[in-house]
């Protein structure tokens, strides 16, 4: 779904899974600084929007999600995962309940599979699941923003900013009164700085929540009875995850960033040494320079110098080994 804000001056379209919104509007670092200062907004209208309404919505979702939501107060934001039977991450949901309906935004293109799963689990519960992507757009206001929210718009407020569930027909008028617009690359740079994982970027087919630091923020350890809970409990109580998320400071003299999937090796073993991980997201940050998130084997020493492809990298611990 192509955003009408791609018609704004300087807009350069994003590619891949983020196709449909702007990667930037001509000045990546200016856009980053604006967001860091709490001004402007980010068009996230390519993300999927799913709602769950009905009297049983919270108690029903509580049985399916990794998060404790049975008593979720109206207006309180949370995030949750849906796992496979083996504990691997399948969906990530960013939630808020408005008192009558749970609103969630999800990764672009994942809403159909999510809705199919939710529909298969309805049974006798009094719930209605709906895909609202066609008529509702997600817009992000950065932390510190004092911008006014239009009346009637559902807001999901977190430490990182506010996610607005805005009628898609109001996108252009919102942009006119809440600019300047910042592109997705600026939003992603701040996400990487904040060490926040993203489904499909920091995850693969075998990722478990412990590897990414999602325990506590998206996984509640004092609840059970959801698919994959046995794996979560076993790793938490008896073992360690096989991999861990790290933050990388990359050699700033390199012209090109190592792309997602670039193999990581221990620098002392040379470029032909054993593979110990891979880059998940790399960005150019307005203050930190080139940085990245990566998954590495748990037993990689925290002080080991790394190579991301041919690029030297110093690691910063995100998930403890």
Protein backbone atom coordinates (compact mmCIF):
# COMPACT_ATOMS: atom_id res chain seq x y z
CA UNK A 1 0.00 0.00 0.00
CA UNK A 2 1.68 3.20 -1.24
CA UNK A 3 1.62 6.14 1.14
CA UNK A 4 0.38 9.49 -0.21
CA UNK A 5 3.26 11.09 1.73
CA UNK A 6 5.65 9.79 -0.93
CA UNK A 7 4.55 12.91 -2.81
CA UNK A 8 6.22 15.17 -0.23
CA UNK A 9 9.28 17.11 -1.47
CA UNK A 10 12.47 15.03 -1.45
CA UNK A 11 10.78 11.72 -0.65
CA UNK A 12 12.83 8.66 -1.61
CA UNK A 13 10.89 5.38 -1.40
CA UNK A 14 12.00 2.63 0.96
CA UNK A 15 12.65 -0.83 -0.46
CA UNK A 16 12.01 -4.43 0.52
CA UNK A 17 9.59 -5.11 3.35
CA UNK A 18 9.32 -1.37 4.03
CA UNK A 19 8.23 -0.52 0.50
CA UNK A 20 5.36 1.95 0.39
CA UNK A 21 6.73 4.67 2.68
CA UNK A 22 9.67 7.05 2.46
CA UNK A 23 13.18 5.92 3.37
CA UNK A 24 14.12 9.58 3.73
CA UNK A 25 13.18 13.06 2.53
CA UNK A 26 16.60 14.18 1.36
CA UNK A 27 18.58 14.69 4.56
CA UNK A 28 19.00 11.57 6.69
CA UNK A 29 20.97 13.15 9.55
CA UNK A 30 18.72 16.21 9.79
CA UNK A 31 15.73 13.89 10.05
CA UNK A 32 17.46 11.86 12.78
CA UNK A 33 18.30 14.96 14.76
CA UNK A 34 14.73 16.19 14.49
CA UNK A 35 13.39 12.92 15.89
CA UNK A 36 16.01 12.89 18.65
CA UNK A 37 14.90 16.44 19.57
CA UNK A 38 11.25 15.37 19.72
CA UNK A 39 10.05 17.10 16.56
CA UNK A 40 8.40 15.85 13.39
CA UNK A 41 6.83 12.46 12.75
CA UNK A 42 7.46 9.18 10.92
CA UNK A 43 5.09 7.66 8.40
CA UNK A 44 4.65 3.99 9.34
CA UNK A 45 1.52 3.53 7.27
CA UNK A 46 2.92 0.41 5.60
CA UNK A 47 2.58 -1.53 8.87
CA UNK A 48 -0.32 -3.90 9.39
CA UNK A 49 -3.12 -2.91 11.79
CA UNK A 50 -5.23 -5.55 13.54
CA UNK A 51 -8.01 -5.03 16.07
CA UNK A 52 -9.66 -7.42 18.51
CA UNK A 53 -12.98 -6.40 20.02
CA UNK A 54 -15.55 -8.15 22.18
CA UNK A 55 -16.08 -8.83 25.88
CA UNK A 56 -13.54 -11.65 25.99
CA UNK A 57 -10.76 -9.91 24.04
CA UNK A 58 -8.25 -9.54 26.88
CA UNK A 59 -8.80 -12.91 28.54
CA UNK A 60 -8.65 -14.60 25.11
CA UNK A 61 -5.47 -12.83 24.00
CA UNK A 62 -3.93 -13.65 27.37
CA UNK A 63 -4.10 -17.34 26.40
CA UNK A 64 -2.32 -16.77 23.07
CA UNK A 65 0.32 -14.13 23.74
CA UNK A 66 3.57 -14.16 25.67
CA UNK A 67 2.51 -11.02 27.54
CA UNK A 68 0.20 -10.73 30.58
CA UNK A 69 -2.79 -8.86 29.14
CA UNK A 70 -5.83 -10.25 30.98
CA UNK A 71 -6.00 -7.10 33.12
CA UNK A 72 -4.37 -4.63 30.73
CA UNK A 73 -5.56 -1.13 31.71
CA UNK A 74 -7.13 0.98 28.98
CA UNK A 75 -4.52 3.24 27.40
CA UNK A 76 -1.49 1.29 28.65
CA UNK A 77 0.88 0.23 25.88
CA UNK A 78 2.56 -3.16 25.79
CA UNK A 79 4.16 -5.53 23.31
CA UNK A 80 3.79 -9.26 22.91
CA UNK A 81 4.90 -12.21 20.82
CA UNK A 82 3.28 -15.27 19.36
CA UNK A 83 5.58 -18.28 19.39
CA UNK A 84 5.64 -21.60 17.60
CA UNK A 85 5.18 -24.83 19.53
CA UNK A 86 8.98 -24.98 19.79
CA UNK A 87 9.25 -21.46 21.19
CA UNK A 88 10.44 -19.72 18.02
CA UNK A 89 9.14 -16.19 17.36
CA UNK A 90 6.41 -16.01 14.72
CA UNK A 91 4.72 -12.64 15.34
CA UNK A 92 5.42 -9.44 17.25
CA UNK A 93 2.47 -7.25 18.25
CA UNK A 94 2.57 -3.67 19.57
CA UNK A 95 -0.63 -3.28 21.56
CA UNK A 96 -2.94 -0.87 23.33
CA UNK A 97 -6.52 -1.33 24.55
CA UNK A 98 -8.87 1.66 24.28
CA UNK A 99 -11.46 0.23 26.68
CA UNK A 100 -13.51 -1.59 24.06
CA UNK A 101 -10.96 -2.72 21.45
CA UNK A 102 -7.37 -3.92 21.39
CA UNK A 103 -5.36 -2.18 18.68
CA UNK A 104 -2.12 -3.71 17.41
CA UNK A 105 0.33 -2.80 14.71
CA UNK A 106 2.55 -5.49 13.22
CA UNK A 107 5.27 -5.92 10.62
CA UNK A 108 4.25 -5.12 7.03
CA UNK A 109 2.66 -8.07 5.31
CA UNK A 110 2.35 -10.24 8.44
CA UNK A 111 -1.22 -9.32 9.31
CA UNK A 112 -2.85 -11.94 7.09
CA UNK A 113 -1.00 -14.85 8.73
CA UNK A 114 -1.62 -13.36 12.17
CA UNK A 115 -5.34 -12.98 11.56
CA UNK A 116 -5.57 -16.52 10.17
CA UNK A 117 -4.01 -17.85 13.38
CA UNK A 118 -6.22 -15.74 15.62
CA UNK A 119 -9.35 -16.80 13.74
CA UNK A 120 -8.39 -20.45 14.15
CA UNK A 121 -8.23 -19.98 17.93
CA UNK A 122 -11.55 -18.18 18.51
CA UNK A 123 -13.63 -21.24 19.47
CA UNK A 124 -16.48 -20.09 21.76
CA UNK A 125 -14.89 -16.81 22.85
CA UNK A 126 -16.79 -13.56 22.29
CA UNK A 127 -14.22 -11.81 20.12
CA UNK A 128 -14.06 -10.23 16.69
CA UNK A 129 -10.78 -9.95 14.80
CA UNK A 130 -10.45 -7.37 12.02
CA UNK A 131 -7.80 -6.24 9.53
CA UNK A 132 -7.83 -2.42 9.67
CA UNK A 133 -4.76 -1.86 7.51
CA UNK A 134 -6.79 -0.47 4.60
CA UNK A 135 -8.37 2.34 6.61
CA UNK A 136 -5.96 2.95 9.52
CA UNK A 137 -2.36 4.16 9.22
CA UNK A 138 0.31 4.08 11.94
CA UNK A 139 2.14 7.36 12.51
CA UNK A 140 4.97 7.77 15.03
CA UNK A 141 5.59 10.89 17.13
CA UNK A 142 9.04 10.79 18.79
CA UNK A 143 9.67 10.94 22.52
CA UNK A 144 9.42 14.51 23.76
CA UNK A 145 7.02 15.59 21.04
CA UNK A 146 4.42 18.12 22.14
CA UNK A 147 2.40 17.76 18.95
CA UNK A 148 -1.35 17.60 19.43
CA UNK A 149 -3.11 14.35 18.60
CA UNK A 150 -6.30 14.65 16.53
CA UNK A 151 -9.51 13.97 18.43
CA UNK A 152 -10.65 10.35 18.47
CA UNK A 153 -7.29 8.88 17.46
CA UNK A 154 -6.10 5.86 19.47
CA UNK A 155 -2.62 6.44 20.90
CA UNK A 156 -0.03 3.92 22.03
CA UNK A 157 2.43 5.79 24.26
CA UNK A 158 5.85 4.35 25.17
CA UNK A 159 9.21 5.61 26.37
CA UNK A 160 10.27 5.85 22.71
CA UNK A 161 7.35 7.98 21.56
CA UNK A 162 3.70 7.74 20.59
CA UNK A 163 2.22 5.50 17.91
CA UNK A 164 -0.98 6.92 16.49
CA UNK A 165 -3.67 4.80 14.82
CA UNK A 166 -4.72 7.51 12.38
CA UNK A 167 -7.49 7.25 9.77
CA UNK A 168 -5.63 6.75 6.52
CA UNK A 169 -7.70 9.45 4.84
CA UNK A 170 -6.21 12.00 7.27
CA UNK A 171 -2.54 11.25 6.53
CA UNK A 172 -1.95 14.20 4.24
CA UNK A 173 -3.67 16.75 6.47
CA UNK A 174 -1.76 15.37 9.47
CA UNK A 175 1.54 15.77 7.63
CA UNK A 176 0.71 19.35 6.71
CA UNK A 177 0.19 20.33 10.36
CA UNK A 178 2.74 18.08 12.11
CA UNK A 179 5.85 18.25 9.94
CA UNK A 180 8.65 17.98 9.21
CA UNK A 181 8.40 14.37 8.08
CA UNK A 182 11.28 12.02 8.90
CA UNK A 183 11.92 8.91 6.87
CA UNK A 184 12.13 5.31 7.96
CA UNK A 185 15.95 5.30 7.88
CA UNK A 186 15.99 7.93 10.63
CA UNK A 187 13.49 5.91 12.68
CA UNK A 188 15.59 2.77 12.18
CA UNK A 189 18.78 4.52 13.24
CA UNK A 190 17.21 5.45 16.56
CA UNK A 191 15.80 1.94 16.94
CA UNK A 192 19.26 0.46 16.55
CA UNK A 193 20.71 2.99 19.00
CA UNK A 194 18.02 1.90 21.50
CA UNK A 195 18.89 -1.79 20.96
CA UNK A 196 15.29 -2.61 20.04
CA UNK A 197 14.87 -5.80 17.98
CA UNK A 198 12.54 -6.00 15.00
CA UNK A 199 10.77 -9.10 13.71
CA UNK A 200 12.24 -10.25 10.41
CA UNK A 201 15.38 -8.19 10.96
CA UNK A 202 16.82 -9.46 14.25
CA UNK A 203 14.89 -12.75 13.95
CA UNK A 204 15.14 -15.81 11.76
CA UNK A 205 13.24 -19.10 11.73
CA UNK A 206 14.86 -20.31 14.97
CA UNK A 207 15.03 -17.17 17.11
CA UNK A 208 13.78 -17.46 20.69
CA UNK A 209 12.88 -14.41 22.85
CA UNK A 210 15.87 -14.75 25.22
CA UNK A 211 18.34 -14.11 22.40
CA UNK A 212 16.99 -10.61 21.74
CA UNK A 213 16.28 -9.31 25.22
CA UNK A 214 12.52 -9.63 24.76
CA UNK A 215 12.13 -11.30 28.16
CA UNK A 216 10.33 -8.82 30.39
CA UNK A 217 9.37 -6.35 27.68
CA UNK A 218 7.37 -8.75 25.48
CA UNK A 219 7.45 -11.99 27.49
CA UNK A 220 5.96 -12.20 30.98
CA UNK A 221 7.62 -14.95 33.01
CA UNK A 222 4.86 -15.28 35.60
CA UNK A 223 2.25 -16.59 33.20
CA UNK A 224 1.93 -19.82 31.27
CA UNK A 225 -0.61 -21.51 29.04
CA UNK A 226 0.55 -20.14 25.71
CA UNK A 227 2.11 -21.93 22.79
CA UNK A 228 5.88 -22.18 23.19
CA UNK A 229 5.83 -21.41 26.93
CA UNK A 230 7.66 -24.66 27.76
CA UNK A 231 10.70 -23.54 25.78
CA UNK A 232 10.68 -20.10 27.41
CA UNK A 233 10.54 -21.62 30.90
CA UNK A 234 13.18 -24.26 30.16
CA UNK A 235 15.73 -21.79 28.82
CA UNK A 236 15.01 -19.31 31.59
CA UNK A 237 15.33 -21.85 34.40
CA UNK A 238 17.77 -24.45 33.13
CA UNK A 239 19.97 -23.03 30.43
CA UNK A 240 21.12 -20.20 28.21
CA UNK A 241 20.07 -19.20 24.70
CA UNK A 242 22.46 -20.28 21.93
CA UNK A 243 22.87 -16.73 20.60
CA UNK A 244 22.77 -13.18 21.92
CA UNK A 245 22.03 -9.76 20.49
CA UNK A 246 24.95 -7.30 20.40
CA UNK A 247 25.38 -3.66 19.40
CA UNK A 248 28.32 -3.02 17.08
CA UNK A 249 30.38 0.11 16.61
CA UNK A 250 31.68 -0.20 13.06
CA UNK A 251 34.88 1.16 11.56
CA UNK A 252 33.93 4.61 10.31
CA UNK A 253 36.56 4.68 7.58
CA UNK A 254 34.64 2.15 5.50
CA UNK A 255 32.50 3.60 2.70
CA UNK A 256 29.89 0.86 2.71
CA UNK A 257 27.93 -0.56 5.62
CA UNK A 258 27.89 -4.35 6.05
CA UNK A 259 24.43 -5.39 4.92
CA UNK A 260 22.04 -7.62 6.84
CA UNK A 261 23.30 -11.20 6.76
CA UNK A 262 26.98 -10.24 6.60
CA UNK A 263 28.98 -12.89 8.43
CA UNK A 264 30.76 -11.97 11.65
CA UNK A 265 34.08 -13.50 12.67
CA UNK A 266 36.51 -12.97 15.54
CA UNK A 267 39.12 -10.48 14.30
CA UNK A 268 42.07 -12.33 15.84
CA UNK A 269 41.21 -15.36 13.68
CA UNK A 270 41.35 -13.31 10.49
CA UNK A 271 38.85 -13.02 7.61
CA UNK A 272 38.92 -16.79 7.09
CA UNK A 273 38.18 -17.60 10.72
CA UNK A 274 35.08 -19.36 11.98
CA UNK A 275 31.73 -17.67 11.58
CA UNK A 276 30.31 -16.59 14.96
CA UNK A 277 27.25 -14.61 13.90
CA UNK A 278 25.74 -12.21 11.40
CA UNK A 279 24.65 -8.59 11.05
CA UNK A 280 20.90 -8.04 11.39
CA UNK A 281 20.52 -4.26 10.88
CA UNK A 282 23.18 -1.65 10.03
CA UNK A 283 22.66 2.12 9.99
CA UNK A 284 24.48 5.44 9.93
CA UNK A 285 23.72 7.33 13.15
CA UNK A 286 23.95 11.12 13.33
CA UNK A 287 26.13 10.98 16.48
CA UNK A 288 27.51 7.44 16.77
CA UNK A 289 28.48 6.99 13.14
CA UNK A 290 28.09 3.55 11.51
CA UNK A 291 26.53 1.09 13.98
CA UNK A 292 24.66 -2.19 13.78
CA UNK A 293 22.76 -4.86 15.63
CA UNK A 294 23.95 -8.44 15.24
CA UNK A 295 23.36 -11.93 16.55
CA UNK A 296 26.45 -13.80 17.74
CA UNK A 297 27.05 -17.11 19.46
CA UNK A 298 26.60 -16.88 23.21
CA UNK A 299 30.15 -18.02 23.97
CA UNK A 300 31.85 -15.24 21.96
CA UNK A 301 33.89 -13.29 24.55
CA UNK A 302 32.32 -9.90 25.27
CA UNK A 303 35.68 -8.19 24.74
CA UNK A 304 36.49 -9.94 21.47
CA UNK A 305 37.23 -7.70 18.49
CA UNK A 306 35.01 -8.69 15.60
CA UNK A 307 34.92 -8.46 11.82
CA UNK A 308 31.62 -7.84 10.05
CA UNK A 309 32.68 -8.99 6.63
CA UNK A 310 35.81 -6.86 6.13
CA UNK A 311 34.72 -4.16 8.56
CA UNK A 312 36.23 -3.98 12.04
CA UNK A 313 33.62 -3.92 14.80
CA UNK A 314 33.66 -3.41 18.56
CA UNK A 315 30.79 -5.02 20.41
CA UNK A 316 28.60 -3.64 23.17
CA UNK A 317 26.62 -6.14 25.24
CA UNK A 318 22.85 -6.07 24.84
CA UNK A 319 21.98 -9.57 26.04
CA UNK A 320 24.26 -10.98 28.70
CA UNK A 321 26.06 -14.23 27.73
